[in-house]
C-alpha atoms as a PDB file:
ATOM      1  CA  MET A   1      -0.028  -0.062   0.015  1.00  0.00           C
ATOM      2  CA  GLY A   2       2.784   2.372   0.847  1.00  0.00           C
ATOM      3  CA  LYS A   3       4.567   1.744  -2.429  1.00  0.00           C
ATOM      4  CA  SER A   4       1.452   2.498  -4.252  1.00  0.00           C
ATOM      5  CA  PHE A   5       1.208   5.888  -2.571  1.00  0.00           C
ATOM      6  CA  LEU A   6       4.785   6.768  -3.531  1.00  0.00           C
ATOM      7  CA  LEU A   7       3.985   5.990  -7.143  1.00  0.00           C
ATOM      8  CA  PHE A   8       0.963   8.360  -6.675  1.00  0.00           C
ATOM      9  CA  ILE A   9       3.207  11.300  -5.784  1.00  0.00           C
ATOM     10  CA  PHE A  10       5.457  10.733  -8.863  1.00  0.00           C
ATOM     11  CA  GLY A  11       2.436  10.275 -11.119  1.00  0.00           C
ATOM     12  CA  MET A  12       0.705  13.380 -10.009  1.00  0.00           C
ATOM     13  CA  THR A  13       3.814  15.513 -10.413  1.00  0.00           C
ATOM     14  CA  SER A  14       4.650  14.164 -13.766  1.00  0.00           C
ATOM     15  CA  ILE A  15       1.146  15.037 -14.904  1.00  0.00           C
ATOM     16  CA  CYS A  16       1.622  18.423 -13.478  1.00  0.00           C
ATOM     17  CA  ALA A  17       4.710  18.963 -15.602  1.00  0.00           C
ATOM     18  CA  GLN A  18       2.768  18.160 -18.673  1.00  0.00           C
ATOM     19  CA  ASN A  19      -0.668  19.632 -17.767  1.00  0.00           C
ATOM     20  CA  THR A  20       0.097  23.216 -18.655  1.00  0.00           C
ATOM     21  CA  VAL A  21       1.597  22.633 -22.068  1.00  0.00           C
ATOM     22  CA  SER A  22      -1.321  24.489 -23.517  1.00  0.00           C
ATOM     23  CA  ASP A  23      -1.016  27.468 -21.086  1.00  0.00           C
ATOM     24  CA  THR A  24      -1.866  30.666 -22.793  1.00  0.00           C
ATOM     25  CA  ILE A  25       1.196  32.938 -22.854  1.00  0.00           C
ATOM     26  CA  ALA A  26       0.927  36.717 -22.864  1.00  0.00           C
ATOM     27  CA  ALA A  27       3.945  38.948 -23.722  1.00  0.00           C
ATOM     28  CA  GLN A  28       4.467  42.282 -21.870  1.00  0.00           C
ATOM     29  CA  ASP A  29       7.729  43.898 -22.554  1.00  0.00           C
ATOM     30  CA  THR A  30      10.386  41.287 -21.815  1.00  0.00           C
ATOM     31  CA  VAL A  31       8.318  39.295 -19.379  1.00  0.00           C
ATOM     32  CA  HIS A  32       5.917  36.438 -20.446  1.00  0.00           C
ATOM     33  CA  ASN A  33       3.272  35.823 -17.946  1.00  0.00           C
ATOM     34  CA  LEU A  34       0.514  33.134 -17.631  1.00  0.00           C
ATOM     35  CA  LYS A  35      -2.942  34.151 -17.986  1.00  0.00           C
ATOM     36  CA  PHE A  36      -5.122  32.903 -15.187  1.00  0.00           C
ATOM     37  CA  ASN A  37      -6.914  29.524 -15.953  1.00  0.00           C
ATOM     38  CA  TYR A  38      -8.953  27.934 -13.238  1.00  0.00           C
ATOM     39  CA  LYS A  39      -7.842  24.511 -14.597  1.00  0.00           C
ATOM     40  CA  GLN A  40      -4.390  25.194 -13.580  1.00  0.00           C
ATOM     41  CA  LEU A  41      -5.634  25.155  -9.843  1.00  0.00           C
ATOM     42  CA  ILE A  42      -6.798  21.571 -10.155  1.00  0.00           C
ATOM     43  CA  ILE A  43      -3.548  19.666  -9.414  1.00  0.00           C
ATOM     44  CA  PRO A  44      -2.119  21.760  -6.666  1.00  0.00           C
ATOM     45  CA  SER A  45      -5.484  21.960  -5.172  1.00  0.00           C
ATOM     46  CA  VAL A  46      -5.827  18.191  -5.200  1.00  0.00           C
ATOM     47  CA  LEU A  47      -2.286  17.881  -3.572  1.00  0.00           C
ATOM     48  CA  ILE A  48      -2.866  20.479  -0.948  1.00  0.00           C
ATOM     49  CA  GLY A  49      -6.399  19.113  -0.148  1.00  0.00           C
ATOM     50  CA  TYR A  50      -5.005  15.576   0.272  1.00  0.00           C
ATOM     51  CA  GLY A  51      -2.506  16.964   2.758  1.00  0.00           C
ATOM     52  CA  PHE A  52      -5.200  18.727   4.812  1.00  0.00           C
ATOM     53  CA  ILE A  53      -7.600  15.824   4.752  1.00  0.00           C
ATOM     54  CA  GLY A  54      -4.697  13.780   6.160  1.00  0.00           C
ATOM     55  CA  LEU A  55      -4.554  16.027   9.220  1.00  0.00           C
ATOM     56  CA  GLU A  56      -7.874  14.422  10.491  1.00  0.00           C
ATOM     57  CA  SER A  57      -8.438  11.154   8.430  1.00  0.00           C
ATOM     58  CA  ASP A  58      -7.602   8.037  10.411  1.00  0.00           C
ATOM     59  CA  GLN A  59      -7.190   6.185   7.191  1.00  0.00           C
ATOM     60  CA  LEU A  60      -4.594   8.484   5.778  1.00  0.00           C
ATOM     61  CA  LYS A  61      -2.871   8.581   9.091  1.00  0.00           C
ATOM     62  CA  THR A  62      -2.565   4.860   8.847  1.00  0.00           C
ATOM     63  CA  TYR A  63      -1.108   5.051   5.364  1.00  0.00           C
ATOM     64  CA  ASN A  64       1.439   7.423   6.786  1.00  0.00           C
ATOM     65  CA  THR A  65       2.397   5.064   9.517  1.00  0.00           C
ATOM     66  CA  GLN A  66       2.569   2.076   7.092  1.00  0.00           C
ATOM     67  CA  ILE A  67       4.875   4.052   4.769  1.00  0.00           C
ATOM     68  CA  LYS A  68       7.064   5.077   7.699  1.00  0.00           C
ATOM     69  CA  GLU A  69       7.364   1.455   8.944  1.00  0.00           C
ATOM     70  CA  GLU A  70       8.166   0.215   5.383  1.00  0.00           C
ATOM     71  CA  VAL A  71      10.837   2.786   4.885  1.00  0.00           C
ATOM     72  CA  ASN A  72      12.406   2.455   8.405  1.00  0.00           C
ATOM     73  CA  GLU A  73      12.768  -1.352   7.709  1.00  0.00           C
ATOM     74  CA  ASP A  74      15.178  -0.730   4.812  1.00  0.00           C
ATOM     75  CA  ILE A  75      16.956   2.367   6.113  1.00  0.00           C
ATOM     76  CA  ASP A  76      20.657   1.879   6.977  1.00  0.00           C
ATOM     77  CA  HIS A  77      21.630   5.418   7.387  1.00  0.00           C
ATOM     78  CA  LYS A  78      20.272   8.778   6.428  1.00  0.00           C
ATOM     79  CA  ILE A  79      21.095  10.747   3.246  1.00  0.00           C
ATOM     80  CA  SER A  80      21.071  14.495   3.373  1.00  0.00           C
ATOM     81  CA  ILE A  81      20.932  15.074  -0.280  1.00  0.00           C
ATOM     82  CA  ASP A  82      17.472  16.672   0.092  1.00  0.00           C
ATOM     83  CA  ASP A  83      19.032  19.733   1.815  1.00  0.00           C
ATOM     84  CA  PHE A  84      20.673  20.545  -1.499  1.00  0.00           C
ATOM     85  CA  SER A  85      18.304  19.145  -4.068  1.00  0.00           C
ATOM     86  CA  GLN A  86      15.528  21.338  -2.865  1.00  0.00           C
ATOM     87  CA  TRP A  87      17.381  24.294  -4.635  1.00  0.00           C
ATOM     88  CA  ALA A  88      18.509  22.331  -7.672  1.00  0.00           C
ATOM     89  CA  PRO A  89      15.516  23.028 -10.045  1.00  0.00           C
ATOM     90  CA  ALA A  90      15.541  27.043  -9.462  1.00  0.00           C
ATOM     91  CA  ALA A  91      19.361  27.108  -9.511  1.00  0.00           C
ATOM     92  CA  SER A  92      19.281  25.168 -12.726  1.00  0.00           C
ATOM     93  CA  VAL A  93      17.466  27.942 -14.540  1.00  0.00           C
ATOM     94  CA  TYR A  94      20.287  30.345 -13.861  1.00  0.00           C
ATOM     95  CA  GLY A  95      22.825  27.697 -14.678  1.00  0.00           C
ATOM     96  CA  LEU A  96      21.146  27.040 -18.089  1.00  0.00           C
ATOM     97  CA  ASN A  97      20.897  30.828 -18.821  1.00  0.00           C
ATOM     98  CA  ALA A  98      24.637  31.307 -17.997  1.00  0.00           C
ATOM     99  CA  LEU A  99      25.496  28.471 -20.430  1.00  0.00           C
ATOM    100  CA  GLY A 100      23.649  30.271 -23.245  1.00  0.00           C
ATOM    101  CA  ILE A 101      20.377  28.313 -23.030  1.00  0.00           C
ATOM    102  CA  LYS A 102      17.962  31.195 -22.658  1.00  0.00           C
ATOM    103  CA  GLY A 103      14.760  30.984 -20.792  1.00  0.00           C
ATOM    104  CA  LYS A 104      11.529  32.723 -21.371  1.00  0.00           C
ATOM    105  CA  ASN A 105      12.366  35.954 -19.130  1.00  0.00           C
ATOM    106  CA  ASN A 106      15.491  37.941 -18.484  1.00  0.00           C
ATOM    107  CA  LEU A 107      17.409  37.948 -15.347  1.00  0.00           C
ATOM    108  CA  LYS A 108      15.453  40.748 -13.626  1.00  0.00           C
ATOM    109  CA  ASP A 109      11.929  39.490 -14.445  1.00  0.00           C
ATOM    110  CA  ARG A 110      12.756  35.718 -13.485  1.00  0.00           C
ATOM    111  CA  SER A 111      14.268  36.713 -10.395  1.00  0.00           C
ATOM    112  CA  ILE A 112      11.349  38.882  -9.213  1.00  0.00           C
ATOM    113  CA  ILE A 113       9.010  36.055 -10.187  1.00  0.00           C
ATOM    114  CA  LEU A 114      11.037  33.480  -8.264  1.00  0.00           C
ATOM    115  CA  ALA A 115      11.346  35.885  -5.180  1.00  0.00           C
ATOM    116  CA  SER A 116       7.630  36.358  -5.342  1.00  0.00           C
ATOM    117  CA  SER A 117       7.132  32.565  -5.484  1.00  0.00           C
ATOM    118  CA  TYR A 118       9.475  31.873  -2.414  1.00  0.00           C
ATOM    119  CA  LEU A 119       7.848  34.656  -0.454  1.00  0.00           C
ATOM    120  CA  MET A 120       4.305  33.176  -0.907  1.00  0.00           C
ATOM    121  CA  MET A 121       5.609  29.640  -0.409  1.00  0.00           C
ATOM    122  CA  SER A 122       7.687  30.435   2.692  1.00  0.00           C
ATOM    123  CA  ALA A 123       4.880  32.516   4.386  1.00  0.00           C
ATOM    124  CA  SER A 124       2.293  29.724   3.754  1.00  0.00           C
ATOM    125  CA  VAL A 125       4.636  26.974   4.998  1.00  0.00           C
ATOM    126  CA  PHE A 126       5.732  28.887   8.017  1.00  0.00           C
ATOM    127  CA  ALA A 127       2.089  29.715   8.946  1.00  0.00           C
ATOM    128  CA  LEU A 128       0.762  26.211   8.636  1.00  0.00           C
ATOM    129  CA  LYS A 129       3.762  24.661  10.608  1.00  0.00           C
ATOM    130  CA  ASN A 130       2.860  26.890  13.372  1.00  0.00           C
ATOM    131  CA  ILE A 131      -0.886  26.410  13.250  1.00  0.00           C
ATOM    132  CA  THR A 132      -1.000  22.621  12.703  1.00  0.00           C
ATOM    133  CA  LYS A 133       1.939  21.559  15.029  1.00  0.00           C
ATOM    134  CA  VAL A 134       2.144  18.110  13.573  1.00  0.00           C
ATOM    135  CA  GLU A 135       4.859  15.889  15.076  1.00  0.00           C
ATOM    136  CA  ARG A 136       7.521  14.736  12.759  1.00  0.00           C
ATOM    137  CA  PRO A 137       7.901  10.951  12.136  1.00  0.00           C
ATOM    138  CA  ASP A 138      11.305  10.966  14.014  1.00  0.00           C
ATOM    139  CA  GLY A 139       9.678  12.812  17.008  1.00  0.00           C
ATOM    140  CA  SER A 140      12.174  15.595  16.756  1.00  0.00           C
ATOM    141  CA  SER A 141       9.649  18.519  16.625  1.00  0.00           C
ATOM    142  CA  ASN A 142       6.087  19.522  16.120  1.00  0.00           C
ATOM    143  CA  ASN A 143       6.375  21.452  12.746  1.00  0.00           C
ATOM    144  CA  SER A 144       6.129  18.533  10.223  1.00  0.00           C
ATOM    145  CA  PHE A 145       3.156  19.842   8.260  1.00  0.00           C
ATOM    146  CA  PRO A 146       3.779  20.798   5.379  1.00  0.00           C
ATOM    147  CA  SER A 147       7.221  19.881   4.048  1.00  0.00           C
ATOM    148  CA  GLY A 148       9.221  23.056   3.440  1.00  0.00           C
ATOM    149  CA  HIS A 149      11.976  21.229   1.523  1.00  0.00           C
ATOM    150  CA  THR A 150       9.399  19.681  -0.722  1.00  0.00           C
ATOM    151  CA  ALA A 151       7.569  23.060  -1.319  1.00  0.00           C
ATOM    152  CA  THR A 152      10.848  24.675  -2.237  1.00  0.00           C
ATOM    153  CA  ALA A 153      11.760  21.873  -4.615  1.00  0.00           C
ATOM    154  CA  PHE A 154       8.422  22.067  -6.400  1.00  0.00           C
ATOM    155  CA  ALA A 155       8.271  25.814  -6.489  1.00  0.00           C
ATOM    156  CA  GLY A 156      11.612  25.645  -8.292  1.00  0.00           C
ATOM    157  CA  ALA A 157      10.386  22.762 -10.637  1.00  0.00           C
ATOM    158  CA  GLU A 158       7.375  24.656 -11.792  1.00  0.00           C
ATOM    159  CA  PHE A 159       9.662  27.813 -12.244  1.00  0.00           C
ATOM    160  CA  MET A 160      11.979  25.713 -14.387  1.00  0.00           C
ATOM    161  CA  TYR A 161       9.013  24.306 -16.316  1.00  0.00           C
ATOM    162  CA  GLN A 162       7.493  27.659 -17.138  1.00  0.00           C
ATOM    163  CA  GLU A 163      10.845  29.143 -18.273  1.00  0.00           C
ATOM    164  CA  TYR A 164      11.792  26.406 -20.496  1.00  0.00           C
ATOM    165  CA  LYS A 165       8.577  24.543 -21.644  1.00  0.00           C
ATOM    166  CA  ASP A 166       8.794  26.464 -24.937  1.00  0.00           C
ATOM    167  CA  GLN A 167      12.369  25.129 -25.444  1.00  0.00           C
ATOM    168  CA  SER A 168      11.580  21.503 -24.428  1.00  0.00           C
ATOM    169  CA  ILE A 169       9.176  19.849 -22.046  1.00  0.00           C
ATOM    170  CA  TRP A 170      12.041  17.673 -20.723  1.00  0.00           C
ATOM    171  CA  TYR A 171      13.551  20.582 -18.723  1.00  0.00           C
ATOM    172  CA  GLY A 172      10.324  20.691 -16.714  1.00  0.00           C
ATOM    173  CA  ILE A 173      10.140  16.863 -16.454  1.00  0.00           C
ATOM    174  CA  ALA A 174      13.733  16.872 -15.154  1.00  0.00           C
ATOM    175  CA  GLY A 175      12.864  19.530 -12.624  1.00  0.00           C
ATOM    176  CA  TYR A 176       9.874  17.624 -11.289  1.00  0.00           C
ATOM    177  CA  ALA A 177      11.839  14.392 -11.132  1.00  0.00           C
ATOM    178  CA  VAL A 178      14.343  16.109  -8.817  1.00  0.00           C
ATOM    179  CA  ALA A 179      11.552  17.749  -6.744  1.00  0.00           C
ATOM    180  CA  THR A 180       9.812  14.370  -6.395  1.00  0.00           C
ATOM    181  CA  GLY A 181      13.082  12.857  -5.256  1.00  0.00           C
ATOM    182  CA  THR A 182      13.526  15.562  -2.712  1.00  0.00           C
ATOM    183  CA  GLY A 183      10.116  14.735  -1.247  1.00  0.00           C
ATOM    184  CA  LEU A 184      10.807  10.993  -1.203  1.00  0.00           C
ATOM    185  CA  PHE A 185      14.174  11.670   0.667  1.00  0.00           C
ATOM    186  CA  ARG A 186      12.221  13.672   3.247  1.00  0.00           C
ATOM    187  CA  MET A 187      10.313  10.478   3.990  1.00  0.00           C
ATOM    188  CA  TYR A 188      13.286   8.308   3.627  1.00  0.00           C
ATOM    189  CA  ASN A 189      15.107  10.387   6.284  1.00  0.00           C
ATOM    190  CA  ASP A 190      12.034  10.084   8.567  1.00  0.00           C
ATOM    191  CA  ARG A 191      11.488  13.860   8.600  1.00  0.00           C
ATOM    192  CA  HIS A 192       8.012  13.858   6.994  1.00  0.00           C
ATOM    193  CA  TRP A 193       4.803  11.999   6.534  1.00  0.00           C
ATOM    194  CA  LEU A 194       3.436  11.355   3.063  1.00  0.00           C
ATOM    195  CA  THR A 195       0.778  13.998   3.671  1.00  0.00           C
ATOM    196  CA  ASP A 196       3.373  16.564   4.500  1.00  0.00           C
ATOM    197  CA  VAL A 197       5.166  15.980   1.289  1.00  0.00           C
ATOM    198  CA  VAL A 198       2.035  15.946  -0.928  1.00  0.00           C
ATOM    199  CA  ALA A 199       0.796  19.166   0.700  1.00  0.00           C
ATOM    200  CA  GLY A 200       4.272  20.908   0.262  1.00  0.00           C
ATOM    201  CA  ALA A 201       4.338  19.961  -3.397  1.00  0.00           C
ATOM    202  CA  GLY A 202       0.881  21.565  -4.028  1.00  0.00           C
ATOM    203  CA  ILE A 203       1.943  24.671  -2.209  1.00  0.00           C
ATOM    204  CA  GLY A 204       5.153  25.036  -4.129  1.00  0.00           C
ATOM    205  CA  ILE A 205       3.507  24.561  -7.472  1.00  0.00           C
ATOM    206  CA  LEU A 206       0.601  26.999  -6.582  1.00  0.00           C
ATOM    207  CA  SER A 207       3.155  29.686  -5.319  1.00  0.00           C
ATOM    208  CA  THR A 208       5.005  29.752  -8.546  1.00  0.00           C
ATOM    209  CA  LYS A 209       1.823  29.786 -10.692  1.00  0.00           C
ATOM    210  CA  ALA A 210       0.623  32.743  -8.721  1.00  0.00           C
ATOM    211  CA  ALA A 211       3.908  34.505  -8.965  1.00  0.00           C
ATOM    212  CA  TYR A 212       3.578  34.336 -12.844  1.00  0.00           C
ATOM    213  CA  TRP A 213       0.001  35.534 -12.570  1.00  0.00           C
ATOM    214  CA  MET A 214       0.820  38.443 -10.343  1.00  0.00           C
ATOM    215  CA  TYR A 215       3.958  39.638 -11.988  1.00  0.00           C
ATOM    216  CA  PRO A 216       2.191  42.077 -14.567  1.00  0.00           C
ATOM    217  CA  TYR A 217       0.863  44.033 -11.481  1.00  0.00           C
ATOM    218  CA  LEU A 218       4.183  43.873  -9.686  1.00  0.00           C
ATOM    219  CA  GLN A 219       5.860  45.074 -12.835  1.00  0.00           C
ATOM    220  CA  ASN A 220       3.584  48.172 -13.311  1.00  0.00           C
ATOM    221  CA  LYS A 221       3.103  49.135  -9.694  1.00  0.00           C
ATOM    222  CA  VAL A 222       6.098  48.007  -7.682  1.00  0.00           C
ATOM    223  CA  PHE A 223       9.089  47.476  -9.944  1.00  0.00           C
ATOM    224  CA  LYS A 224       8.298  50.052 -12.601  1.00  0.00           C
ATOM    225  CA  SER A 225      11.398  51.420 -13.931  1.00  0.00           C
ATOM    226  CA  SER A 226      12.290  55.088 -15.125  1.00  0.00           C
ATOM    227  CA  LYS A 227      14.974  56.561 -17.353  1.00  0.00           C
ATOM    228  CA  GLU A 228      16.540  58.172 -14.367  1.00  0.00           C
ATOM    229  CA  ASN A 229      16.658  55.026 -12.312  1.00  0.00           C
ATOM    230  CA  LYS A 230      18.705  52.215 -13.847  1.00  0.00           C
ATOM    231  CA  THR A 231      18.975  50.127 -10.819  1.00  0.00           C
ATOM    232  CA  THR A 232      16.778  47.097  -9.676  1.00  0.00           C
ATOM    233  CA  SER A 233      16.560  45.797  -6.108  1.00  0.00           C
ATOM    234  CA  MET A 234      14.880  42.738  -4.793  1.00  0.00           C
ATOM    235  CA  ILE A 235      14.631  40.528  -1.779  1.00  0.00           C
ATOM    236  CA  MET A 236      15.002  36.821  -2.002  1.00  0.00           C
ATOM    237  CA  PRO A 237      13.357  35.016   0.906  1.00  0.00           C
ATOM    238  CA  PHE A 238      14.035  31.499   1.898  1.00  0.00           C
ATOM    239  CA  TYR A 239      12.800  28.773   4.332  1.00  0.00           C
ATOM    240  CA  ASN A 240      14.624  25.417   4.772  1.00  0.00           C
ATOM    241  CA  GLY A 241      12.406  23.879   7.348  1.00  0.00           C
ATOM    242  CA  LYS A 242      14.354  25.319  10.303  1.00  0.00           C
ATOM    243  CA  GLU A 243      15.582  28.794   9.274  1.00  0.00           C
ATOM    244  CA  LEU A 244      13.734  31.727   7.727  1.00  0.00           C
ATOM    245  CA  GLY A 245      15.700  34.421   5.942  1.00  0.00           C
ATOM    246  CA  CYS A 246      16.324  36.522   3.090  1.00  0.00           C
ATOM    247  CA  SER A 247      19.140  37.847   0.804  1.00  0.00           C
ATOM    248  CA  PHE A 248      19.298  41.208  -0.960  1.00  0.00           C
ATOM    249  CA  VAL A 249      20.008  41.539  -4.582  1.00  0.00           C
ATOM    250  CA  ARG A 250      20.818  44.894  -6.495  1.00  0.00           C
ATOM    251  CA  GLN A 251      21.223  45.068 -10.203  1.00  0.00           C
ATOM    252  CA  PHE A 252      23.007  48.053 -11.691  1.00  0.00           C
END
């Protein structure tokens, strides 16, 4: 039963990487933004809904426990690759651009979109952790729901997909594969329940979609440039499950 639910995660996220192939793109200056389509809410809503139902459902709690027991039977030692893989999809977008494989948006636009996504995702994850106070599988703390690492990874995967889907869908699939692996390692390392990971995936995906939808407003109202002002500043927030912080970037 546990293995079938792990396959469910990968299946749902793979569908998500392909589901928005027909998204309508609108060009505004150098930034390309997604037009809002309620159909794009279906998959992240299902993922988030599954996580919330799992907070009260005895059946889903039983599945969580079964998966934990199956994983613990085969664990020899923990692997901390998920601490790094959570950043890989988003970092890959900048790496690909540095190698000359240009994405949809320029440096300023994609950085603001990513920062907006991380801000919404971090705020949602931080608030839910403090409200729900779910105990982690390893008993180390009471901030298990939802998985911040998984949310970060899937926000980056959706970001990578949106930036490169016109080049090749395989960039997005690769990003989602890494994000799925991050979520699986969170369970492997006994840090999260299945419901934590599924909800985190939905929050990450939805945060990035919302960032693309909101950017035309931010571009016109907040980051509007003038001939006299040639500099751009932005704040990049982050949340890794334990620490909340931000970095400041200024482009001249």
